[in-house]
Protein backbone atom coordinates (compact mmCIF):
# COMPACT_ATOMS: atom_id res chain seq x y z
CA MET A 1 0.00 0.00 0.00
CA SER A 2 1.46 3.37 -0.98
CA ASN A 3 1.82 5.86 1.79
CA THR A 4 -0.69 8.73 1.79
CA PRO A 5 -1.15 11.77 4.05
CA GLY A 6 -4.31 11.97 6.11
CA ILE A 7 -5.82 11.85 9.56
CA VAL A 8 -6.31 9.20 12.21
CA HIS A 9 -9.47 9.36 14.30
CA ILE A 10 -9.39 7.95 17.83
CA LEU A 11 -12.87 7.08 19.08
CA ASP A 12 -12.96 7.61 22.82
CA PHE A 13 -14.91 5.11 24.92
CA GLY A 14 -13.83 6.79 28.16
CA SER A 15 -10.41 5.26 28.76
CA GLN A 16 -7.94 7.02 31.03
CA TYR A 17 -5.34 6.31 28.33
CA THR A 18 -7.11 7.87 25.32
CA GLN A 19 -5.00 11.03 25.35
CA LEU A 20 -1.90 8.86 25.54
CA ILE A 21 -2.94 7.11 22.32
CA ALA A 22 -3.18 10.50 20.63
CA ARG A 23 0.21 11.51 21.96
CA ARG A 24 1.89 8.36 20.67
CA VAL A 25 0.34 8.85 17.23
CA ARG A 26 1.53 12.47 17.15
CA GLU A 27 5.01 11.35 18.22
CA LEU A 28 5.09 9.28 15.02
CA ASN A 29 4.56 12.58 13.12
CA ILE A 30 1.06 11.50 12.12
CA TYR A 31 -1.91 13.79 12.69
CA CYS A 32 -4.81 12.51 14.77
CA GLU A 33 -7.89 13.76 16.57
CA ILE A 34 -9.93 12.34 19.46
CA ARG A 35 -13.69 12.11 19.03
CA PRO A 36 -16.45 10.67 21.24
CA TYR A 37 -17.24 7.07 20.32
CA ASN A 38 -20.76 8.10 19.23
CA THR A 39 -19.67 10.85 16.85
CA ASP A 40 -21.52 11.18 13.56
CA LEU A 41 -19.74 8.97 11.02
CA LYS A 42 -19.75 11.90 8.60
CA ASN A 43 -17.06 13.41 10.87
CA LEU A 44 -14.79 10.47 10.06
CA GLU A 45 -14.97 10.66 6.28
CA GLY A 46 -11.52 10.90 4.74
CA ALA A 47 -9.80 9.18 7.67
CA LYS A 48 -6.86 6.91 6.85
CA GLY A 49 -7.09 4.99 10.13
CA ILE A 50 -9.48 4.54 13.05
CA ILE A 51 -8.49 3.52 16.59
CA LEU A 52 -11.06 2.40 19.17
CA SER A 53 -9.92 3.21 22.71
CA GLY A 54 -10.27 1.24 25.89
CA SER A 55 -13.09 1.85 28.36
CA PRO A 56 -14.10 1.28 31.98
CA ALA A 57 -17.31 -0.23 30.53
CA SER A 58 -17.82 -3.94 29.81
CA VAL A 59 -19.18 -5.37 26.55
CA ASN A 60 -21.34 -7.60 28.73
CA GLY A 61 -22.55 -4.84 31.05
CA ALA A 62 -25.48 -2.46 31.15
CA GLY A 63 -23.15 0.41 30.26
CA ARG A 64 -22.03 -1.17 26.99
CA LEU A 65 -20.93 1.50 24.47
CA GLU A 66 -21.58 0.66 20.82
CA VAL A 67 -20.48 1.71 17.34
CA ASP A 68 -21.20 0.25 13.89
CA ILE A 69 -18.00 -1.63 13.10
CA THR A 70 -19.15 -2.59 9.59
CA LYS A 71 -19.75 1.05 8.64
CA LEU A 72 -16.46 2.10 10.25
CA SER A 73 -14.55 -0.49 8.25
CA ARG A 74 -15.86 1.06 5.01
CA ILE A 75 -14.00 4.25 5.96
CA ALA A 76 -10.54 3.00 6.99
CA PRO A 77 -8.61 0.17 8.70
CA ILE A 78 -9.54 -0.26 12.39
CA LEU A 79 -7.43 -0.99 15.46
CA GLY A 80 -9.34 -1.86 18.63
CA VAL A 81 -7.47 -1.41 21.90
CA CYS A 82 -8.65 -3.35 24.97
CA TYR A 83 -12.40 -2.58 25.15
CA GLY A 84 -12.27 -1.76 21.44
CA ALA A 85 -10.84 -5.21 20.73
CA GLN A 86 -13.34 -6.95 23.02
CA TYR A 87 -16.24 -5.11 21.39
CA ILE A 88 -15.07 -6.13 17.90
CA ALA A 89 -14.73 -9.75 18.99
CA ASP A 90 -18.19 -9.75 20.56
CA VAL A 91 -19.89 -8.14 17.54
CA TYR A 92 -18.49 -10.80 15.20
CA GLY A 93 -19.54 -13.81 17.27
CA GLY A 94 -16.64 -14.22 19.66
CA GLN A 95 -16.92 -14.81 23.38
CA VAL A 96 -15.92 -12.19 25.95
CA ALA A 97 -16.22 -13.03 29.64
CA PRO A 98 -15.00 -11.65 32.98
CA SER A 99 -11.45 -12.70 33.74
CA GLU A 100 -10.95 -15.14 36.58
CA LYS A 101 -8.76 -12.42 38.04
CA ARG A 102 -8.26 -8.86 36.88
CA GLU A 103 -5.40 -8.69 34.38
CA TYR A 104 -3.42 -5.60 35.28
CA GLY A 105 0.28 -4.97 34.85
CA LYS A 106 3.17 -6.17 32.75
CA ALA A 107 2.85 -9.25 30.53
CA ILE A 108 4.86 -10.91 27.76
CA ILE A 109 3.20 -11.43 24.38
CA HIS A 110 4.20 -14.08 21.85
CA SER A 111 3.41 -12.86 18.33
CA ASP A 112 2.97 -14.32 14.88
CA HIS A 113 6.09 -13.19 13.05
CA GLU A 114 4.13 -13.01 9.75
CA SER A 115 1.60 -10.55 11.16
CA LEU A 116 1.69 -7.05 9.66
CA LEU A 117 0.71 -5.63 13.06
CA PHE A 118 3.56 -7.37 14.90
CA GLN A 119 6.18 -7.08 12.18
CA ASN A 120 9.71 -6.66 13.60
CA ILE A 121 8.41 -7.08 17.16
CA SER A 122 10.51 -9.22 19.50
CA PRO A 123 9.34 -12.86 19.88
CA LYS A 124 8.74 -12.06 23.54
CA SER A 125 7.70 -8.45 23.99
CA GLN A 126 6.63 -6.75 27.22
CA VAL A 127 3.21 -5.05 27.15
CA TRP A 128 0.86 -3.45 29.67
CA MET A 129 -2.45 -5.16 30.49
CA SER A 130 -5.40 -3.40 32.16
CA HIS A 131 -8.73 -5.17 31.70
CA ALA A 132 -11.34 -7.07 33.69
CA ASP A 133 -12.81 -8.97 30.70
CA THR A 134 -11.02 -11.42 28.42
CA ILE A 135 -11.63 -12.61 24.86
CA LEU A 136 -12.07 -16.39 25.15
CA SER A 137 -12.86 -17.11 21.48
CA LEU A 138 -13.18 -15.40 18.11
CA GLY A 139 -15.83 -15.66 15.41
CA PRO A 140 -15.37 -17.23 11.95
CA GLY A 141 -12.72 -15.64 9.75
CA PHE A 142 -10.60 -14.21 12.59
CA THR A 143 -6.89 -14.94 13.01
CA ILE A 144 -5.10 -15.00 16.37
CA GLU A 145 -1.89 -12.98 16.01
CA SER A 146 -0.55 -12.83 19.57
CA LYS A 147 -1.06 -14.43 22.98
CA THR A 148 0.48 -14.53 26.46
CA ASP A 149 1.08 -17.40 28.83
CA THR A 150 -2.28 -16.67 30.50
CA ILE A 151 -4.32 -15.07 27.68
CA PRO A 152 -5.04 -17.16 24.59
CA ILE A 153 -5.95 -14.10 22.48
CA ALA A 154 -3.88 -10.95 23.01
CA GLY A 155 -4.12 -9.80 19.39
CA PHE A 156 -6.17 -10.70 16.31
CA SER A 157 -7.04 -9.66 12.75
CA TYR A 158 -10.10 -9.87 10.50
CA HIS A 159 -9.97 -9.36 6.75
CA LYS A 160 -13.56 -9.98 5.63
CA GLU A 161 -14.63 -6.31 5.61
CA PRO A 162 -13.69 -3.57 3.09
CA ASN A 163 -10.74 -2.61 5.30
CA PRO A 164 -8.79 -4.84 7.69
CA ILE A 165 -9.72 -4.90 11.38
CA TYR A 166 -7.20 -5.52 14.17
CA GLY A 167 -7.61 -5.84 17.91
CA ILE A 168 -5.22 -6.02 20.87
CA GLN A 169 -6.02 -6.71 24.52
CA PHE A 170 -3.17 -4.59 25.86
CA HIS A 171 -2.25 -0.91 25.82
CA PRO A 172 0.52 -0.09 23.31
CA GLU A 173 0.30 3.61 24.20
CA VAL A 174 1.78 3.31 27.72
CA THR A 175 5.55 3.26 28.16
CA HIS A 176 5.41 -0.13 29.93
CA SER A 177 4.59 -1.61 26.51
CA LEU A 178 8.21 -1.49 25.41
CA GLU A 179 7.52 -1.89 21.68
CA GLY A 180 4.09 -0.29 21.74
CA LYS A 181 5.06 2.62 19.50
CA GLU A 182 6.45 0.18 16.93
CA ILE A 183 3.15 -1.75 16.96
CA MET A 184 1.24 1.50 16.41
CA LYS A 185 3.63 2.42 13.61
CA ASN A 186 3.01 -0.96 11.98
CA PHE A 187 -0.71 -0.23 12.01
CA LEU A 188 -0.55 3.41 10.89
CA VAL A 189 2.28 3.24 8.37
CA GLY A 190 2.37 -0.41 7.34
CA ILE A 191 -1.38 -1.15 7.31
CA CYS A 192 -3.01 2.28 6.86
CA GLY A 193 -0.24 3.52 4.56
CA MET A 194 0.21 6.90 6.22
CA ASP A 195 3.13 9.29 5.77
CA GLN A 196 5.00 10.50 8.85
CA ASN A 197 5.08 14.09 7.67
CA TRP A 198 3.14 16.02 10.31
CA THR A 199 5.89 18.20 11.82
CA SER A 200 6.15 21.52 13.64
CA SER A 201 7.34 23.24 10.46
CA SER A 202 4.49 21.83 8.39
CA PHE A 203 2.03 22.89 11.09
CA VAL A 204 3.39 26.46 11.09
CA GLN A 205 3.05 26.77 7.32
CA GLN A 206 -0.48 25.37 7.31
CA ALA A 207 -1.58 27.41 10.35
CA ILE A 208 -0.40 30.69 8.80
CA GLU A 209 -2.26 29.90 5.58
CA ASP A 210 -5.40 28.96 7.53
CA ILE A 211 -5.29 32.16 9.60
CA ARG A 212 -4.92 34.31 6.48
CA THR A 213 -7.82 32.49 4.82
CA GLN A 214 -9.99 32.68 7.93
CA VAL A 215 -9.29 36.26 8.95
CA GLY A 216 -8.40 38.00 5.67
CA ASP A 217 -7.78 41.72 6.21
CA GLU A 218 -9.82 41.91 9.43
CA LYS A 219 -8.36 42.86 12.81
CA VAL A 220 -7.73 40.43 15.67
CA LEU A 221 -7.49 40.99 19.44
CA LEU A 222 -5.57 38.59 21.70
CA GLY A 223 -5.13 38.42 25.46
CA ILE A 224 -1.49 37.54 26.04
CA SER A 225 0.10 36.35 29.27
CA GLY A 226 3.82 35.84 28.68
CA GLY A 227 3.27 32.07 28.72
CA VAL A 228 4.20 29.76 25.87
CA ASP A 229 0.63 29.14 24.62
CA SER A 230 -0.46 32.75 24.17
CA THR A 231 2.98 33.84 22.95
CA VAL A 232 3.13 31.14 20.27
CA ALA A 233 -0.44 31.99 19.24
CA ALA A 234 0.56 35.65 18.99
CA MET A 235 3.59 34.90 16.82
CA LEU A 236 1.60 32.64 14.48
CA ILE A 237 -1.11 35.25 14.02
CA HIS A 238 1.46 38.05 13.69
CA GLN A 239 3.26 36.19 10.91
CA ALA A 240 -0.06 35.70 9.16
CA ILE A 241 -1.57 39.21 9.44
CA GLY A 242 1.12 41.49 10.90
CA ASP A 243 -0.06 44.59 12.73
CA ASN A 244 -3.70 43.66 12.24
CA LEU A 245 -3.14 41.78 15.50
CA THR A 246 -3.40 43.76 18.74
CA SER A 247 -2.57 42.04 22.04
CA PHE A 248 -3.44 42.96 25.62
CA PHE A 249 -1.08 42.01 28.44
CA ILE A 250 -2.99 42.65 31.65
CA ASN A 251 -1.10 42.96 34.92
CA ASN A 252 -3.41 41.44 37.52
CA GLY A 253 -0.99 41.95 40.41
CA LEU A 254 -0.63 38.17 40.69
CA LEU A 255 2.36 37.69 38.42
CA ARG A 256 5.86 36.68 39.45
CA LYS A 257 8.16 39.36 40.83
CA GLY A 258 9.09 41.86 38.10
CA GLU A 259 7.36 39.77 35.45
CA TYR A 260 5.09 42.44 33.98
CA GLU A 261 7.95 44.80 33.08
CA ASP A 262 10.25 41.97 31.97
CA VAL A 263 7.71 40.36 29.62
CA MET A 264 6.67 43.70 28.12
CA ASP A 265 10.31 44.45 27.28
CA LYS A 266 10.72 41.09 25.58
CA TYR A 267 7.51 41.44 23.58
CA LYS A 268 8.88 44.71 22.16
CA VAL A 269 11.95 42.82 20.92
CA LEU A 270 9.65 40.36 19.12
CA GLY A 271 7.96 43.22 17.30
CA LEU A 272 4.49 42.37 18.61
CA ASN A 273 1.85 45.06 18.94
CA VAL A 274 1.19 44.64 22.69
CA ASN A 275 -0.72 47.05 24.92
CA GLY A 276 0.31 46.74 28.57
CA ILE A 277 -2.53 47.33 31.03
CA ASP A 278 -1.75 47.65 34.73
CA ALA A 279 -4.98 46.66 36.50
CA SER A 280 -3.29 45.18 39.58
CA GLU A 281 -5.16 47.35 42.09
CA GLU A 282 -8.50 46.40 40.57
CA PHE A 283 -7.76 42.67 40.86
CA LEU A 284 -6.27 42.84 44.35
CA ASN A 285 -9.14 44.93 45.67
CA GLY A 286 -11.59 42.31 44.44
CA LEU A 287 -9.57 39.47 45.99
CA GLU A 288 -9.07 41.02 49.42
CA ASP A 289 -9.88 38.36 52.05
CA VAL A 290 -11.24 35.87 49.46
CA SER A 291 -10.17 32.35 50.48
CA ASP A 292 -12.25 29.83 48.47
CA PRO A 293 -10.21 28.66 45.42
CA GLU A 294 -13.14 28.64 43.01
CA GLN A 295 -14.31 32.04 44.25
CA LYS A 296 -10.80 33.37 43.61
CA ARG A 297 -11.04 32.14 40.03
CA LYS A 298 -14.44 33.72 39.56
CA VAL A 299 -13.26 37.09 40.90
CA ILE A 300 -10.20 36.98 38.64
CA GLY A 301 -12.22 35.83 35.62
CA ASN A 302 -14.91 38.48 36.08
CA THR A 303 -12.37 41.24 36.67
CA PHE A 304 -10.40 40.11 33.62
CA ILE A 305 -13.54 40.34 31.50
CA ASP A 306 -14.35 43.81 32.89
CA VAL A 307 -10.85 45.11 32.17
CA PHE A 308 -10.65 43.42 28.78
CA LEU A 309 -14.04 44.80 27.69
CA ARG A 310 -13.20 48.30 28.88
CA GLU A 311 -9.93 48.35 26.94
CA ALA A 312 -11.36 46.60 23.88
CA LYS A 313 -13.99 49.33 23.49
CA LYS A 314 -11.16 51.78 22.90
CA LEU A 315 -10.18 49.91 19.73
CA GLU A 316 -11.91 50.13 16.36
CA ASP A 317 -12.89 47.50 13.78
CA ILE A 318 -11.88 44.43 15.80
CA LYS A 319 -13.65 41.38 14.30
CA TRP A 320 -11.85 38.45 15.93
CA LEU A 321 -10.87 37.37 19.43
CA ALA A 322 -7.87 35.02 19.53
CA GLN A 323 -7.15 32.62 22.41
CA GLY A 324 -4.26 30.27 23.19
CA THR A 325 -6.57 27.28 23.78
CA ILE A 326 -4.72 23.96 23.47
CA TYR A 327 -5.92 20.41 22.81
CA PRO A 328 -6.31 19.07 26.38
CA ASP A 329 -8.79 21.92 27.04
CA VAL A 330 -10.75 20.96 23.92
CA ILE A 331 -10.79 17.25 24.80
CA GLU A 332 -11.91 17.90 28.38
CA SER A 333 -14.81 20.03 27.18
CA VAL A 334 -16.11 17.34 24.80
CA SER A 335 -15.92 14.16 26.85
CA VAL A 336 -17.54 10.80 26.20
CA ASN A 337 -20.43 11.65 28.50
CA GLY A 338 -20.90 15.22 27.30
CA PRO A 339 -19.25 18.48 28.40
CA SER A 340 -17.08 18.01 31.44
CA ALA A 341 -18.27 19.57 34.68
CA THR A 342 -14.79 19.53 36.18
CA ILE A 343 -12.97 22.12 34.07
CA LYS A 344 -11.58 24.87 36.28
CA SER A 345 -13.05 28.21 35.40
CA HIS A 346 -9.68 29.76 34.54
CA HIS A 347 -8.98 27.30 31.71
CA ASN A 348 -10.65 29.64 29.27
CA VAL A 349 -12.39 32.98 29.06
CA GLY A 350 -15.42 31.59 27.34
CA GLY A 351 -17.60 34.61 28.05
CA LEU A 352 -15.48 37.05 26.08
CA PRO A 353 -16.58 36.13 22.52
CA ASP A 354 -20.24 36.57 23.53
CA TYR A 355 -19.65 39.86 25.34
CA LEU A 356 -17.57 41.27 22.52
CA HIS A 357 -19.64 39.80 19.67
CA LEU A 358 -16.43 38.65 17.98
CA ASN A 359 -15.49 35.58 15.99
CA LEU A 360 -13.17 33.18 17.81
CA LEU A 361 -9.69 32.29 16.53
CA GLU A 362 -7.83 29.42 18.24
CA PRO A 363 -4.79 28.45 16.13
CA LEU A 364 -3.35 26.04 18.74
CA ARG A 365 -6.54 24.21 19.69
CA MET A 366 -5.32 20.88 18.24
CA LEU A 367 -1.87 20.87 19.89
CA PHE A 368 -0.59 19.37 23.14
CA LYS A 369 1.66 21.51 25.36
CA ASP A 370 4.95 19.99 24.21
CA GLU A 371 3.84 20.40 20.59
CA VAL A 372 3.20 24.09 21.26
CA ARG A 373 6.80 24.38 22.47
CA LYS A 374 8.06 22.75 19.26
CA VAL A 375 6.00 25.15 17.18
CA GLY A 376 7.51 28.01 19.17
CA GLU A 377 10.98 26.72 18.31
CA ALA A 378 10.01 26.45 14.64
CA LEU A 379 8.85 30.09 14.79
CA GLY A 380 12.24 31.12 16.19
CA LEU A 381 10.91 32.30 19.57
CA PRO A 382 13.57 32.99 22.24
CA GLU A 383 14.14 30.18 24.72
CA MET A 384 12.78 32.26 27.61
CA PHE A 385 9.32 31.99 26.03
CA VAL A 386 9.54 28.45 24.65
CA GLN A 387 11.03 26.83 27.74
CA ARG A 388 9.25 29.02 30.29
CA HIS A 389 7.60 27.01 33.02
CA PRO A 390 3.79 26.89 32.90
CA PHE A 391 2.14 29.41 35.17
CA PRO A 392 -1.47 29.13 36.38
CA GLY A 393 -4.08 31.42 34.86
CA PRO A 394 -5.10 32.85 38.28
CA GLY A 395 -1.41 33.45 39.03
CA LEU A 396 -0.25 33.58 42.62
CA ALA A 397 -3.85 33.79 43.86
CA ILE A 398 -3.91 29.99 43.92
CA ARG A 399 -0.37 29.74 45.27
CA VAL A 400 -1.31 31.83 48.29
CA LEU A 401 -3.55 29.36 50.07
CA GLY A 402 -6.48 30.73 52.00
CA ALA A 403 -7.36 34.41 52.25
CA ILE A 404 -5.56 36.75 49.84
CA SER A 405 -3.77 39.92 50.92
CA ARG A 406 -1.19 42.15 49.28
CA GLU A 407 1.38 41.19 51.93
CA LYS A 408 0.90 37.48 51.30
CA ILE A 409 1.22 38.00 47.54
CA ARG A 410 4.47 39.91 48.17
CA LEU A 411 5.85 37.10 50.37
CA CYS A 412 5.01 34.51 47.73
CA GLN A 413 6.60 36.62 44.99
CA GLU A 414 9.82 37.07 46.96
CA ALA A 415 10.11 33.38 47.83
CA ASP A 416 9.28 32.32 44.28
CA ALA A 417 11.86 34.70 42.81
CA ILE A 418 14.60 33.23 45.01
CA TYR A 419 13.49 29.68 44.19
CA ILE A 420 13.39 30.15 40.40
CA ASP A 421 16.62 32.17 40.35
CA LEU A 422 18.55 29.44 42.17
CA LEU A 423 17.07 26.73 39.94
CA LYS A 424 18.40 28.66 36.95
CA LYS A 425 21.81 29.38 38.49
CA ARG A 426 22.32 25.74 39.50
CA GLY A 427 21.20 24.34 36.12
CA TRP A 428 17.93 22.79 37.32
CA TYR A 429 15.34 25.11 35.75
CA ASP A 430 15.46 23.37 32.36
CA LYS A 431 15.48 19.96 34.06
CA THR A 432 12.08 20.59 35.62
CA TRP A 433 8.78 21.12 33.80
CA GLN A 434 7.19 23.43 36.35
CA ALA A 435 8.28 24.89 39.66
CA GLY A 436 6.87 27.45 42.05
CA ALA A 437 6.59 28.52 45.66
CA ILE A 438 3.33 28.18 47.60
CA LEU A 439 2.57 30.25 50.69
CA LEU A 440 0.66 28.15 53.22
CA PRO A 441 -1.91 29.57 55.66
CA VAL A 442 0.13 28.04 58.46
CA LYS A 443 2.38 29.84 60.93
CA SER A 444 4.97 28.11 63.05
CA VAL A 445 7.51 29.02 65.71
CA GLY A 446 11.09 29.64 64.68
CA VAL A 447 14.32 30.94 66.18
CA MET A 448 16.40 33.57 64.40
CA GLY A 449 19.35 34.82 66.40
CA ASP A 450 18.13 35.45 69.92
CA GLU A 451 14.55 36.03 68.81
CA ARG A 452 11.61 33.69 68.48
CA THR A 453 9.51 34.15 65.36
CA TYR A 454 5.98 33.15 64.45
CA GLU A 455 5.81 33.31 60.67
CA TYR A 456 4.45 31.62 57.56
CA THR A 457 5.46 28.31 55.97
CA CYS A 458 6.49 28.15 52.30
CA ALA A 459 6.12 24.96 50.26
CA LEU A 460 8.27 24.36 47.19
CA ARG A 461 6.75 22.47 44.25
CA ALA A 462 8.70 21.11 41.27
CA VAL A 463 7.41 18.49 38.84
CA ASN A 464 8.45 16.76 35.66
CA SER A 465 5.87 16.17 32.95
CA LYS A 466 5.30 16.43 29.21
CA ASP A 467 1.90 18.05 29.18
CA GLY A 468 0.69 18.39 32.75
CA MET A 469 -1.83 15.55 32.52
CA THR A 470 0.42 13.39 34.71
CA ALA A 471 3.48 14.52 36.67
CA GLU A 472 6.26 13.16 38.87
CA TRP A 473 7.86 15.26 41.60
CA SER A 474 11.33 16.44 40.65
CA GLN A 475 14.13 14.92 42.68
CA LEU A 476 16.08 18.10 43.33
CA PRO A 477 19.42 17.60 45.13
CA TYR A 478 19.33 17.97 48.91
CA ASP A 479 22.08 20.58 48.89
CA LEU A 480 20.12 22.69 46.40
CA LEU A 481 16.95 22.43 48.49
CA ALA A 482 18.96 23.43 51.55
CA GLU A 483 20.40 26.44 49.72
CA ILE A 484 16.95 27.55 48.53
CA SER A 485 15.47 27.11 52.01
CA ASN A 486 18.25 29.07 53.70
CA GLU A 487 18.04 31.91 51.18
CA ILE A 488 14.25 32.24 51.50
CA ILE A 489 14.26 32.16 55.30
CA ASN A 490 17.17 34.59 55.55
CA SER A 491 15.88 37.01 52.92
CA VAL A 492 12.08 36.99 53.19
CA LYS A 493 10.94 38.40 56.52
CA GLY A 494 7.62 36.70 57.22
CA ILE A 495 8.65 33.13 56.25
CA ASN A 496 10.56 30.98 58.74
CA ARG A 497 9.94 27.43 57.45
CA VAL A 498 10.29 25.78 54.02
CA VAL A 499 8.97 22.33 53.03
CA TYR A 500 9.15 20.34 49.76
CA ASP A 501 6.14 18.71 48.09
CA ILE A 502 6.83 15.14 46.88
CA SER A 503 3.32 14.30 45.64
CA THR A 504 2.70 12.93 42.13
CA LYS A 505 -0.19 13.75 39.80
CA PRO A 506 -2.42 11.84 40.19
CA PRO A 507 -3.54 11.63 42.97
CA ALA A 508 -2.40 15.18 43.79
CA THR A 509 -2.62 18.10 41.35
CA ILE A 510 0.34 20.25 40.35
CA GLU A 511 -1.13 23.40 41.87
CA TRP A 512 -2.41 23.28 45.45
CA GLU A 513 -5.69 25.10 44.71
C-alpha cells in the first residue's frame, strides 16, 4: 500500500489512556484527533485509520458502548485497543467473559512473526495489560496474532470487511509496553499507509495559511500572558496578518516578581503590537480576604472580562478574538459523556466572545503543550518563552492558600523569585517542567538569632511532565533544596519554614488550589 497523508481518528470510549494514544500517534509525526465514540460517522470521512480506545465499561454490562464496526470499516482500517478489541470480537460472534482475576500490569506477548501488526516485534515483547474482561474465542474468519502465557488471544485480525480490522487486549500507548510505539507504527504506516510528515514546520506553514484564509484583512485581538501558549499563538497570528493583531497584556498583580515589566520588554523585541494594562489594584481589591479557590477564580475571571471589555472598546474595527486554547482543554470540554463539569473556570475565558460579539480564533486548539513548544521553536521564539515554566491562569492567587492579601502576595513573589533564580543558576530550571513557591496559611515558631519568630510556611513544588496531565515530583538535590530554604528564610521576613512537596499527579494536582 502506498503511503498517503491523512488523519487518524481515535474514538474515545472513556479510557484514562485515550490522550496517551493520541500523543503516541503524534510522536510518530502523524496527525490525529480524538472524538467521542458516538460521533456522527460523517465526521470520520476521509480518515486513513481509526483507533477504538479502551473503556471502563464492559461489553457484557449495562453500560455497553456501541459503534457500527461494519460502517467504520468502510471508511478506513480499524485498530481496537482493549475494550475496542473486546467489542469487535463480541460483535463478530466471539466470546468475551469476565477474567478469573483482573489482568493488570506487565505481561509478555508471543506474536505471529508473519503478522503485519507485529512485524519486527521481538518474539517475547513486554506489554501493559489493564482489563477485567477477556476474549475467550473469536468468530469465523478471525486470526489470532498474539497471545500470552495466560491469555489465549492478546491480538487478532479480521480481513472480511472492506478494510482490515485488528484488535489487541493490551495498551501499546503506555511506556510499559516497550515496543508499543512500533506496533502503532506498523498499524498506521504499514497497514493504513500513512506518511510520517506532520511536523512543527508543516504545522506552522499550514496554520499561517489557515489564519490568512480565515481572517483575511480583518483585525484580531488577543489576550497575552507571557506564557508559551499565548505567545506562540501571537507569533503565528502576527506572521499571518502582521499589525492587524493587537494584544493585551494585563497585569493582575498576581504575576511573578518583576514579570510584567520583563515580559513587556521582551515582547517589544519580538515586534508584537502589545498594549500593557496595569490593573493590579483592581484585581487585588476584588480578591481582598477571598479564600475559596473557586471564588478566587471567579473574581479573577470576572475582573479580567471587565478590564478586557473596557480596553477593547477603545479599539476600532476588531472582528476576531484570539485565544491560546490547546488540545487538552478541547478534549476535556467534549468528553464521552458530554461536556465536562470539572474544568476549572480559569482554563478559558469563554464569556469574552459573547460579550464582545467577535469571531473566535484558536490556532493552537489541536496541539498538546509539548507540541506548542516545538511550534515556538520552529517560529524562532527565544528560549525564555519556549522553555518558560507553565504558570497558572489565576497566578499567585492559587499559590497563596487561604485568604488573599497584598502582603501574602508579596511574600510569595519574593520566595518564588529566590526559588526560580537558584534553579536557573544551579542548572535545574530546564530539568524541571514546572516549579513554584506556595505560601501556606500556616504559621509556626522559629528561632532567628536570639529572637523567636511566628511566621508563615512556604512549600516548594517542582514536577516533571510532558503536558501536565500526569506529573512526577522532581528529585532536586538535597544541597540545592537546603540552599533555597536558607536563602528564602534569611531574605524573606515573614517566612521561617520551608517544606518540599513530593506528591505525584495523580492523585495530587500540580497546583495546590
